[in-house]
Amino acid sequence: MASQKGLGKGLGALLGDFSEEPLEKSAYQLLPIYKVEPNPDQPRQDFDEEELQALADSITVHGIIQPLTVREMPNGYYQIIAGERRWRAARMANLSDVPA
């Protein structure tokens, strides 16, 4: 009787050895909103107040879906790399923390 090569022997037989640990963990932390600062080199200078208010209303209902991207500064604060609109809208929504 021939040995089964793949079927009926589990995923290991089909895929070979694999780790059960994810290769990359996608985690974020909650930062106090007062410790997050805008980047002075941000190319966008004009923020439409009505659009920010609409985003703030959405954040109030749904939260911030996409975390901000920040870098830690030597002074212990965080500078925004991406997500200044979300940060501004979160402030308008009176959030105390933002995911980053």
PDB file of N, CA and C in Angstrom:
ATOM      1  N   MET A   1       0.841  -1.174   0.000  1.00  0.00           N
ATOM      2  CA  MET A   1       0.000   0.000   0.000  1.00  0.00           C
ATOM      3  C   MET A   1       0.889   1.241   0.000  1.00  0.00           C
ATOM      4  N   ALA A   2       0.592   2.193  -0.855  1.00  0.00           N
ATOM      5  CA  ALA A   2       1.393   3.406  -0.989  1.00  0.00           C
ATOM      6  C   ALA A   2       1.095   4.361   0.156  1.00  0.00           C
ATOM      7  N   SER A   3       2.121   5.067   0.593  1.00  0.00           N
ATOM      8  CA  SER A   3       1.962   6.050   1.661  1.00  0.00           C
ATOM      9  C   SER A   3       1.308   7.309   1.107  1.00  0.00           C
ATOM     10  N   GLN A   4       0.403   7.866   1.905  1.00  0.00           N
ATOM     11  CA  GLN A   4      -0.232   9.112   1.476  1.00  0.00           C
ATOM     12  C   GLN A   4       0.783  10.243   1.546  1.00  0.00           C
ATOM     13  N   LYS A   5       0.800  11.047   0.511  1.00  0.00           N
ATOM     14  CA  LYS A   5       1.765  12.131   0.473  1.00  0.00           C
ATOM     15  C   LYS A   5       1.258  13.392   1.175  1.00  0.00           C
ATOM     16  N   GLY A   6       0.001  13.780   0.973  1.00  0.00           N
ATOM     17  CA  GLY A   6      -0.452  15.038   1.550  1.00  0.00           C
ATOM     18  C   GLY A   6      -1.815  14.954   2.180  1.00  0.00           C
ATOM     19  N   LEU A   7      -2.765  14.402   1.479  1.00  0.00           N
ATOM     20  CA  LEU A   7      -4.131  14.395   1.976  1.00  0.00           C
ATOM     21  C   LEU A   7      -4.274  13.549   3.227  1.00  0.00           C
ATOM     22  N   GLY A   8      -4.994  14.079   4.191  1.00  0.00           N
ATOM     23  CA  GLY A   8      -5.276  13.342   5.411  1.00  0.00           C
ATOM     24  C   GLY A   8      -4.170  13.385   6.434  1.00  0.00           C
ATOM     25  N   LYS A   9      -3.106  14.118   6.180  1.00  0.00           N
ATOM     26  CA  LYS A   9      -1.994  14.163   7.128  1.00  0.00           C
ATOM     27  C   LYS A   9      -1.834  15.531   7.787  1.00  0.00           C
ATOM     28  N   GLY A  10      -2.777  16.429   7.560  1.00  0.00           N
ATOM     29  CA  GLY A  10      -2.713  17.742   8.199  1.00  0.00           C
ATOM     30  C   GLY A  10      -1.971  18.772   7.362  1.00  0.00           C
ATOM     31  N   LEU A  11      -2.014  19.995   7.820  1.00  0.00           N
ATOM     32  CA  LEU A  11      -1.381  21.091   7.087  1.00  0.00           C
ATOM     33  C   LEU A  11       0.129  20.960   7.017  1.00  0.00           C
ATOM     34  N   GLY A  12       0.720  20.370   8.033  1.00  0.00           N
ATOM     35  CA  GLY A  12       2.166  20.199   8.036  1.00  0.00           C
ATOM     36  C   GLY A  12       2.652  19.387   6.851  1.00  0.00           C
ATOM     37  N   ALA A  13       1.875  18.385   6.450  1.00  0.00           N
ATOM     38  CA  ALA A  13       2.256  17.566   5.305  1.00  0.00           C
ATOM     39  C   ALA A  13       2.173  18.366   4.007  1.00  0.00           C
ATOM     40  N   LEU A  14       1.226  19.273   3.928  1.00  0.00           N
ATOM     41  CA  LEU A  14       1.071  20.071   2.710  1.00  0.00           C
ATOM     42  C   LEU A  14       2.009  21.271   2.668  1.00  0.00           C
ATOM     43  N   LEU A  15       2.165  21.938   3.786  1.00  0.00           N
ATOM     44  CA  LEU A  15       2.903  23.194   3.812  1.00  0.00           C
ATOM     45  C   LEU A  15       4.308  23.072   4.362  1.00  0.00           C
ATOM     46  N   GLY A  16       4.649  21.968   4.951  1.00  0.00           N
ATOM     47  CA  GLY A  16       5.950  21.835   5.585  1.00  0.00           C
ATOM     48  C   GLY A  16       5.914  22.431   6.977  1.00  0.00           C
ATOM     49  N   ASP A  17       7.077  22.575   7.569  1.00  0.00           N
ATOM     50  CA  ASP A  17       7.159  23.140   8.912  1.00  0.00           C
ATOM     51  C   ASP A  17       6.816  24.627   8.878  1.00  0.00           C
ATOM     52  N   PHE A  18       6.041  25.059   9.833  1.00  0.00           N
ATOM     53  CA  PHE A  18       5.717  26.473   9.947  1.00  0.00           C
ATOM     54  C   PHE A  18       5.544  26.810  11.410  1.00  0.00           C
ATOM     55  N   SER A  19       5.820  28.028  11.721  1.00  0.00           N
ATOM     56  CA  SER A  19       5.692  28.500  13.086  1.00  0.00           C
ATOM     57  C   SER A  19       4.247  28.899  13.343  1.00  0.00           C
ATOM     58  N   GLU A  20       3.785  28.628  14.536  1.00  0.00           N
ATOM     59  CA  GLU A  20       2.432  29.047  14.890  1.00  0.00           C
ATOM     60  C   GLU A  20       2.408  30.495  15.363  1.00  0.00           C
ATOM     61  N   GLU A  21       3.581  31.088  15.584  1.00  0.00           N
ATOM     62  CA  GLU A  21       3.671  32.490  15.969  1.00  0.00           C
ATOM     63  C   GLU A  21       3.535  33.362  14.729  1.00  0.00           C
ATOM     64  N   PRO A  22       2.792  34.451  14.806  1.00  0.00           N
ATOM     65  CA  PRO A  22       2.746  35.351  13.654  1.00  0.00           C
ATOM     66  C   PRO A  22       4.120  35.964  13.417  1.00  0.00           C
ATOM     67  N   LEU A  23       4.439  36.228  12.161  1.00  0.00           N
ATOM     68  CA  LEU A  23       5.737  36.795  11.834  1.00  0.00           C
ATOM     69  C   LEU A  23       5.863  38.229  12.325  1.00  0.00           C
ATOM     70  N   GLU A  24       4.781  38.960  12.278  1.00  0.00           N
ATOM     71  CA  GLU A  24       4.803  40.354  12.697  1.00  0.00           C
ATOM     72  C   GLU A  24       3.550  40.639  13.509  1.00  0.00           C
ATOM     73  N   LYS A  25       3.750  41.201  14.668  1.00  0.00           N
ATOM     74  CA  LYS A  25       2.600  41.556  15.494  1.00  0.00           C
ATOM     75  C   LYS A  25       2.235  43.005  15.193  1.00  0.00           C
ATOM     76  N   SER A  26       0.981  43.219  14.912  1.00  0.00           N
ATOM     77  CA  SER A  26       0.539  44.590  14.651  1.00  0.00           C
ATOM     78  C   SER A  26      -0.114  45.116  15.921  1.00  0.00           C
ATOM     79  N   ALA A  27       0.675  45.816  16.692  1.00  0.00           N
ATOM     80  CA  ALA A  27       0.176  46.340  17.954  1.00  0.00           C
ATOM     81  C   ALA A  27       0.319  47.856  17.950  1.00  0.00           C
ATOM     82  N   TYR A  28      -0.478  48.483  18.726  1.00  0.00           N
ATOM     83  CA  TYR A  28      -0.379  49.923  18.892  1.00  0.00           C
ATOM     84  C   TYR A  28      -0.528  50.213  20.367  1.00  0.00           C
ATOM     85  N   GLN A  29      -0.199  51.425  20.729  1.00  0.00           N
ATOM     86  CA  GLN A  29      -0.364  51.850  22.111  1.00  0.00           C
ATOM     87  C   GLN A  29      -1.234  53.094  22.146  1.00  0.00           C
ATOM     88  N   LEU A  30      -1.845  53.321  23.268  1.00  0.00           N
ATOM     89  CA  LEU A  30      -2.625  54.545  23.454  1.00  0.00           C
ATOM     90  C   LEU A  30      -1.706  55.601  24.060  1.00  0.00           C
ATOM     91  N   LEU A  31      -1.636  56.738  23.392  1.00  0.00           N
ATOM     92  CA  LEU A  31      -0.800  57.832  23.872  1.00  0.00           C
ATOM     93  C   LEU A  31      -1.687  58.960  24.373  1.00  0.00           C
ATOM     94  N   PRO A  32      -1.284  59.613  25.464  1.00  0.00           N
ATOM     95  CA  PRO A  32      -2.036  60.792  25.894  1.00  0.00           C
ATOM     96  C   PRO A  32      -2.002  61.832  24.768  1.00  0.00           C
ATOM     97  N   ILE A  33      -3.143  62.366  24.433  1.00  0.00           N
ATOM     98  CA  ILE A  33      -3.229  63.275  23.288  1.00  0.00           C
ATOM     99  C   ILE A  33      -2.364  64.522  23.490  1.00  0.00           C
ATOM    100  N   TYR A  34      -2.162  64.931  24.744  1.00  0.00           N
ATOM    101  CA  TYR A  34      -1.352  66.121  24.991  1.00  0.00           C
ATOM    102  C   TYR A  34       0.131  65.876  24.728  1.00  0.00           C
ATOM    103  N   LYS A  35       0.551  64.595  24.635  1.00  0.00           N
ATOM    104  CA  LYS A  35       1.955  64.286  24.362  1.00  0.00           C
ATOM    105  C   LYS A  35       2.236  64.097  22.872  1.00  0.00           C
ATOM    106  N   VAL A  36       1.222  64.305  22.042  1.00  0.00           N
ATOM    107  CA  VAL A  36       1.373  64.159  20.594  1.00  0.00           C
ATOM    108  C   VAL A  36       1.361  65.555  19.980  1.00  0.00           C
ATOM    109  N   GLU A  37       2.371  65.822  19.151  1.00  0.00           N
ATOM    110  CA  GLU A  37       2.511  67.148  18.548  1.00  0.00           C
ATOM    111  C   GLU A  37       2.540  67.044  17.031  1.00  0.00           C
ATOM    112  N   PRO A  38       2.016  68.051  16.346  1.00  0.00           N
ATOM    113  CA  PRO A  38       2.102  68.038  14.880  1.00  0.00           C
ATOM    114  C   PRO A  38       3.542  68.260  14.418  1.00  0.00           C
ATOM    115  N   ASN A  39       3.832  67.802  13.228  1.00  0.00           N
ATOM    116  CA  ASN A  39       5.142  67.991  12.628  1.00  0.00           C
ATOM    117  C   ASN A  39       5.181  69.381  11.992  1.00  0.00           C
ATOM    118  N   PRO A  40       6.141  70.226  12.363  1.00  0.00           N
ATOM    119  CA  PRO A  40       6.192  71.569  11.770  1.00  0.00           C
ATOM    120  C   PRO A  40       6.470  71.537  10.262  1.00  0.00           C
ATOM    121  N   ASP A  41       6.979  70.426   9.759  1.00  0.00           N
ATOM    122  CA  ASP A  41       7.256  70.292   8.324  1.00  0.00           C
ATOM    123  C   ASP A  41       6.106  69.650   7.567  1.00  0.00           C
ATOM    124  N   GLN A  42       4.947  69.533   8.214  1.00  0.00           N
ATOM    125  CA  GLN A  42       3.763  68.961   7.563  1.00  0.00           C
ATOM    126  C   GLN A  42       3.438  69.785   6.324  1.00  0.00           C
ATOM    127  N   PRO A  43       3.373  69.134   5.155  1.00  0.00           N
ATOM    128  CA  PRO A  43       3.075  69.907   3.942  1.00  0.00           C
ATOM    129  C   PRO A  43       1.651  70.466   3.916  1.00  0.00           C
ATOM    130  N   ARG A  44       0.709  69.776   4.537  1.00  0.00           N
ATOM    131  CA  ARG A  44      -0.674  70.275   4.554  1.00  0.00           C
ATOM    132  C   ARG A  44      -0.778  71.364   5.617  1.00  0.00           C
ATOM    133  N   GLN A  45      -1.162  72.537   5.188  1.00  0.00           N
ATOM    134  CA  GLN A  45      -1.306  73.661   6.112  1.00  0.00           C
ATOM    135  C   GLN A  45      -2.760  74.052   6.335  1.00  0.00           C
ATOM    136  N   ASP A  46      -3.617  73.739   5.387  1.00  0.00           N
ATOM    137  CA  ASP A  46      -5.031  74.107   5.485  1.00  0.00           C
ATOM    138  C   ASP A  46      -5.864  72.878   5.818  1.00  0.00           C
ATOM    139  N   PHE A  47      -6.638  72.981   6.896  1.00  0.00           N
ATOM    140  CA  PHE A  47      -7.515  71.904   7.322  1.00  0.00           C
ATOM    141  C   PHE A  47      -8.939  72.446   7.331  1.00  0.00           C
ATOM    142  N   ASP A  48      -9.794  71.874   6.519  1.00  0.00           N
ATOM    143  CA  ASP A  48     -11.184  72.314   6.414  1.00  0.00           C
ATOM    144  C   ASP A  48     -11.914  72.002   7.723  1.00  0.00           C
ATOM    145  N   GLU A  49     -12.420  73.030   8.382  1.00  0.00           N
ATOM    146  CA  GLU A  49     -13.069  72.861   9.688  1.00  0.00           C
ATOM    147  C   GLU A  49     -14.314  71.976   9.612  1.00  0.00           C
ATOM    148  N   GLU A  50     -15.092  72.097   8.548  1.00  0.00           N
ATOM    149  CA  GLU A  50     -16.296  71.266   8.413  1.00  0.00           C
ATOM    150  C   GLU A  50     -15.927  69.797   8.252  1.00  0.00           C
ATOM    151  N   GLU A  51     -14.884  69.525   7.456  1.00  0.00           N
ATOM    152  CA  GLU A  51     -14.442  68.139   7.288  1.00  0.00           C
ATOM    153  C   GLU A  51     -13.867  67.590   8.586  1.00  0.00           C
ATOM    154  N   LEU A  52     -13.126  68.430   9.318  1.00  0.00           N
ATOM    155  CA  LEU A  52     -12.605  67.994  10.616  1.00  0.00           C
ATOM    156  C   LEU A  52     -13.741  67.697  11.585  1.00  0.00           C
ATOM    157  N   GLN A  53     -14.779  68.519  11.572  1.00  0.00           N
ATOM    158  CA  GLN A  53     -15.918  68.282  12.464  1.00  0.00           C
ATOM    159  C   GLN A  53     -16.627  66.989  12.095  1.00  0.00           C
ATOM    160  N   ALA A  54     -16.765  66.712  10.796  1.00  0.00           N
ATOM    161  CA  ALA A  54     -17.382  65.454  10.357  1.00  0.00           C
ATOM    162  C   ALA A  54     -16.533  64.269  10.811  1.00  0.00           C
ATOM    163  N   LEU A  55     -15.209  64.402  10.714  1.00  0.00           N
ATOM    164  CA  LEU A  55     -14.327  63.328  11.179  1.00  0.00           C
ATOM    165  C   LEU A  55     -14.410  63.186  12.696  1.00  0.00           C
ATOM    166  N   ALA A  56     -14.481  64.299  13.416  1.00  0.00           N
ATOM    167  CA  ALA A  56     -14.619  64.253  14.877  1.00  0.00           C
ATOM    168  C   ALA A  56     -15.914  63.553  15.274  1.00  0.00           C
ATOM    169  N   ASP A  57     -16.994  63.833  14.558  1.00  0.00           N
ATOM    170  CA  ASP A  57     -18.269  63.160  14.837  1.00  0.00           C
ATOM    171  C   ASP A  57     -18.148  61.661  14.595  1.00  0.00           C
ATOM    172  N   SER A  58     -17.466  61.276  13.517  1.00  0.00           N
ATOM    173  CA  SER A  58     -17.259  59.857  13.212  1.00  0.00           C
ATOM    174  C   SER A  58     -16.401  59.190  14.286  1.00  0.00           C
ATOM    175  N   ILE A  59     -15.367  59.893  14.736  1.00  0.00           N
ATOM    176  CA  ILE A  59     -14.488  59.355  15.780  1.00  0.00           C
ATOM    177  C   ILE A  59     -15.264  59.186  17.082  1.00  0.00           C
ATOM    178  N   THR A  60     -16.168  60.104  17.378  1.00  0.00           N
ATOM    179  CA  THR A  60     -16.992  59.986  18.582  1.00  0.00           C
ATOM    180  C   THR A  60     -17.822  58.707  18.547  1.00  0.00           C
ATOM    181  N   VAL A  61     -18.333  58.364  17.376  1.00  0.00           N
ATOM    182  CA  VAL A  61     -19.183  57.178  17.232  1.00  0.00           C
ATOM    183  C   VAL A  61     -18.357  55.901  17.102  1.00  0.00           C
ATOM    184  N   HIS A  62     -17.340  55.927  16.240  1.00  0.00           N
ATOM    185  CA  HIS A  62     -16.619  54.701  15.875  1.00  0.00           C
ATOM    186  C   HIS A  62     -15.216  54.595  16.460  1.00  0.00           C
ATOM    187  N   GLY A  63     -14.684  55.668  17.008  1.00  0.00           N
ATOM    188  CA  GLY A  63     -13.305  55.669  17.466  1.00  0.00           C
ATOM    189  C   GLY A  63     -12.358  55.912  16.301  1.00  0.00           C
ATOM    190  N   ILE A  64     -11.067  55.922  16.594  1.00  0.00           N
ATOM    191  CA  ILE A  64     -10.059  56.081  15.550  1.00  0.00           C
ATOM    192  C   ILE A  64      -9.746  54.695  15.017  1.00  0.00           C
ATOM    193  N   ILE A  65     -10.048  54.465  13.756  1.00  0.00           N
ATOM    194  CA  ILE A  65      -9.894  53.141  13.159  1.00  0.00           C
ATOM    195  C   ILE A  65      -8.439  52.885  12.774  1.00  0.00           C
ATOM    196  N   GLN A  66      -7.788  53.871  12.190  1.00  0.00           N
ATOM    197  CA  GLN A  66      -6.389  53.733  11.765  1.00  0.00           C
ATOM    198  C   GLN A  66      -5.506  54.501  12.743  1.00  0.00           C
ATOM    199  N   PRO A  67      -4.617  53.805  13.482  1.00  0.00           N
ATOM    200  CA  PRO A  67      -3.756  54.510  14.432  1.00  0.00           C
ATOM    201  C   PRO A  67      -2.859  55.543  13.742  1.00  0.00           C
ATOM    202  N   LEU A  68      -2.456  56.549  14.489  1.00  0.00           N
ATOM    203  CA  LEU A  68      -1.517  57.538  13.991  1.00  0.00           C
ATOM    204  C   LEU A  68      -0.141  56.898  13.879  1.00  0.00           C
ATOM    205  N   THR A  69       0.688  57.445  13.022  1.00  0.00           N
ATOM    206  CA  THR A  69       2.090  57.046  12.952  1.00  0.00           C
ATOM    207  C   THR A  69       2.882  58.193  13.561  1.00  0.00           C
ATOM    208  N   VAL A  70       3.674  57.873  14.587  1.00  0.00           N
ATOM    209  CA  VAL A  70       4.417  58.903  15.313  1.00  0.00           C
ATOM    210  C   VAL A  70       5.853  58.446  15.537  1.00  0.00           C
ATOM    211  N   ARG A  71       6.685  59.401  15.905  1.00  0.00           N
ATOM    212  CA  ARG A  71       8.035  59.057  16.356  1.00  0.00           C
ATOM    213  C   ARG A  71       8.254  59.723  17.703  1.00  0.00           C
ATOM    214  N   GLU A  72       8.961  59.009  18.567  1.00  0.00           N
ATOM    215  CA  GLU A  72       9.232  59.557  19.894  1.00  0.00           C
ATOM    216  C   GLU A  72      10.357  60.580  19.789  1.00  0.00           C
ATOM    217  N   MET A  73      10.164  61.685  20.453  1.00  0.00           N
ATOM    218  CA  MET A  73      11.141  62.766  20.438  1.00  0.00           C
ATOM    219  C   MET A  73      11.973  62.707  21.722  1.00  0.00           C
ATOM    220  N   PRO A  74      13.151  63.320  21.725  1.00  0.00           N
ATOM    221  CA  PRO A  74      14.007  63.289  22.925  1.00  0.00           C
ATOM    222  C   PRO A  74      13.334  63.872  24.169  1.00  0.00           C
ATOM    223  N   ASN A  75      12.369  64.777  23.981  1.00  0.00           N
ATOM    224  CA  ASN A  75      11.701  65.402  25.131  1.00  0.00           C
ATOM    225  C   ASN A  75      10.579  64.542  25.712  1.00  0.00           C
ATOM    226  N   GLY A  76      10.387  63.317  25.157  1.00  0.00           N
ATOM    227  CA  GLY A  76       9.353  62.425  25.669  1.00  0.00           C
ATOM    228  C   GLY A  76       8.004  62.592  25.001  1.00  0.00           C
ATOM    229  N   TYR A  77       7.902  63.570  24.120  1.00  0.00           N
ATOM    230  CA  TYR A  77       6.672  63.758  23.356  1.00  0.00           C
ATOM    231  C   TYR A  77       6.770  62.964  22.057  1.00  0.00           C
ATOM    232  N   TYR A  78       5.687  62.952  21.295  1.00  0.00           N
ATOM    233  CA  TYR A  78       5.635  62.206  20.040  1.00  0.00           C
ATOM    234  C   TYR A  78       5.276  63.160  18.912  1.00  0.00           C
ATOM    235  N   GLN A  79       6.002  63.053  17.812  1.00  0.00           N
ATOM    236  CA  GLN A  79       5.735  63.891  16.645  1.00  0.00           C
ATOM    237  C   GLN A  79       4.977  63.076  15.609  1.00  0.00           C
ATOM    238  N   ILE A  80       3.944  63.670  15.056  1.00  0.00           N
ATOM    239  CA  ILE A  80       3.109  62.978  14.080  1.00  0.00           C
ATOM    240  C   ILE A  80       3.851  62.853  12.758  1.00  0.00           C
ATOM    241  N   ILE A  81       3.905  61.633  12.251  1.00  0.00           N
ATOM    242  CA  ILE A  81       4.429  61.377  10.912  1.00  0.00           C
ATOM    243  C   ILE A  81       3.259  61.296   9.939  1.00  0.00           C
ATOM    244  N   ALA A  82       2.206  60.604  10.342  1.00  0.00           N
ATOM    245  CA  ALA A  82       0.996  60.486   9.518  1.00  0.00           C
ATOM    246  C   ALA A  82      -0.213  60.456  10.442  1.00  0.00           C
ATOM    247  N   GLY A  83      -1.228  61.266  10.109  1.00  0.00           N
ATOM    248  CA  GLY A  83      -2.463  61.241  10.877  1.00  0.00           C
ATOM    249  C   GLY A  83      -2.813  62.538  11.580  1.00  0.00           C
ATOM    250  N   GLU A  84      -2.302  63.657  11.085  1.00  0.00           N
ATOM    251  CA  GLU A  84      -2.605  64.920  11.771  1.00  0.00           C
ATOM    252  C   GLU A  84      -4.090  65.254  11.739  1.00  0.00           C
ATOM    253  N   ARG A  85      -4.780  64.930  10.644  1.00  0.00           N
ATOM    254  CA  ARG A  85      -6.234  65.177  10.593  1.00  0.00           C
ATOM    255  C   ARG A  85      -6.942  64.381  11.687  1.00  0.00           C
ATOM    256  N   ARG A  86      -6.555  63.107  11.857  1.00  0.00           N
ATOM    257  CA  ARG A  86      -7.168  62.276  12.902  1.00  0.00           C
ATOM    258  C   ARG A  86      -6.874  62.854  14.278  1.00  0.00           C
ATOM    259  N   TRP A  87      -5.649  63.328  14.481  1.00  0.00           N
ATOM    260  CA  TRP A  87      -5.261  63.911  15.764  1.00  0.00           C
ATOM    261  C   TRP A  87      -6.073  65.176  16.053  1.00  0.00           C
ATOM    262  N   ARG A  88      -6.191  66.049  15.046  1.00  0.00           N
ATOM    263  CA  ARG A  88      -6.972  67.278  15.223  1.00  0.00           C
ATOM    264  C   ARG A  88      -8.440  66.952  15.514  1.00  0.00           C
ATOM    265  N   ALA A  89      -8.988  65.991  14.761  1.00  0.00           N
ATOM    266  CA  ALA A  89     -10.387  65.602  14.973  1.00  0.00           C
ATOM    267  C   ALA A  89     -10.564  64.949  16.343  1.00  0.00           C
ATOM    268  N   ALA A  90      -9.592  64.176  16.793  1.00  0.00           N
ATOM    269  CA  ALA A  90      -9.662  63.554  18.120  1.00  0.00           C
ATOM    270  C   ALA A  90      -9.675  64.619  19.208  1.00  0.00           C
ATOM    271  N   ARG A  91      -8.907  65.677  19.017  1.00  0.00           N
ATOM    272  CA  ARG A  91      -8.936  66.790  19.977  1.00  0.00           C
ATOM    273  C   ARG A  91     -10.302  67.456  19.977  1.00  0.00           C
ATOM    274  N   MET A  92     -10.890  67.634  18.783  1.00  0.00           N
ATOM    275  CA  MET A  92     -12.230  68.233  18.698  1.00  0.00           C
ATOM    276  C   MET A  92     -13.269  67.341  19.373  1.00  0.00           C
ATOM    277  N   ALA A  93     -13.042  66.019  19.329  1.00  0.00           N
ATOM    278  CA  ALA A  93     -13.963  65.059  19.944  1.00  0.00           C
ATOM    279  C   ALA A  93     -13.675  64.876  21.436  1.00  0.00           C
ATOM    280  N   ASN A  94     -12.726  65.646  21.963  1.00  0.00           N
ATOM    281  CA  ASN A  94     -12.352  65.612  23.386  1.00  0.00           C
ATOM    282  C   ASN A  94     -11.831  64.258  23.843  1.00  0.00           C
ATOM    283  N   LEU A  95     -11.113  63.551  22.970  1.00  0.00           N
ATOM    284  CA  LEU A  95     -10.476  62.303  23.394  1.00  0.00           C
ATOM    285  C   LEU A  95      -9.270  62.640  24.260  1.00  0.00           C
ATOM    286  N   SER A  96      -8.971  61.784  25.214  1.00  0.00           N
ATOM    287  CA  SER A  96      -7.793  62.006  26.046  1.00  0.00           C
ATOM    288  C   SER A  96      -6.597  61.196  25.558  1.00  0.00           C
ATOM    289  N   ASP A  97      -6.857  60.130  24.800  1.00  0.00           N
ATOM    290  CA  ASP A  97      -5.793  59.269  24.276  1.00  0.00           C
ATOM    291  C   ASP A  97      -6.042  59.000  22.802  1.00  0.00           C
ATOM    292  N   VAL A  98      -4.948  58.740  22.062  1.00  0.00           N
ATOM    293  CA  VAL A  98      -5.060  58.361  20.652  1.00  0.00           C
ATOM    294  C   VAL A  98      -4.214  57.115  20.412  1.00  0.00           C
ATOM    295  N   PRO A  99      -4.674  56.214  19.538  1.00  0.00           N
ATOM    296  CA  PRO A  99      -3.864  55.038  19.218  1.00  0.00           C
ATOM    297  C   PRO A  99      -2.736  55.418  18.263  1.00  0.00           C
ATOM    298  N   ALA A 100      -1.561  54.883  18.546  1.00  0.00           N
ATOM    299  CA  ALA A 100      -0.405  55.136  17.674  1.00  0.00           C
ATOM    300  C   ALA A 100       0.509  53.926  17.693  1.00  0.00           C
TER     301      ALA A 100
END
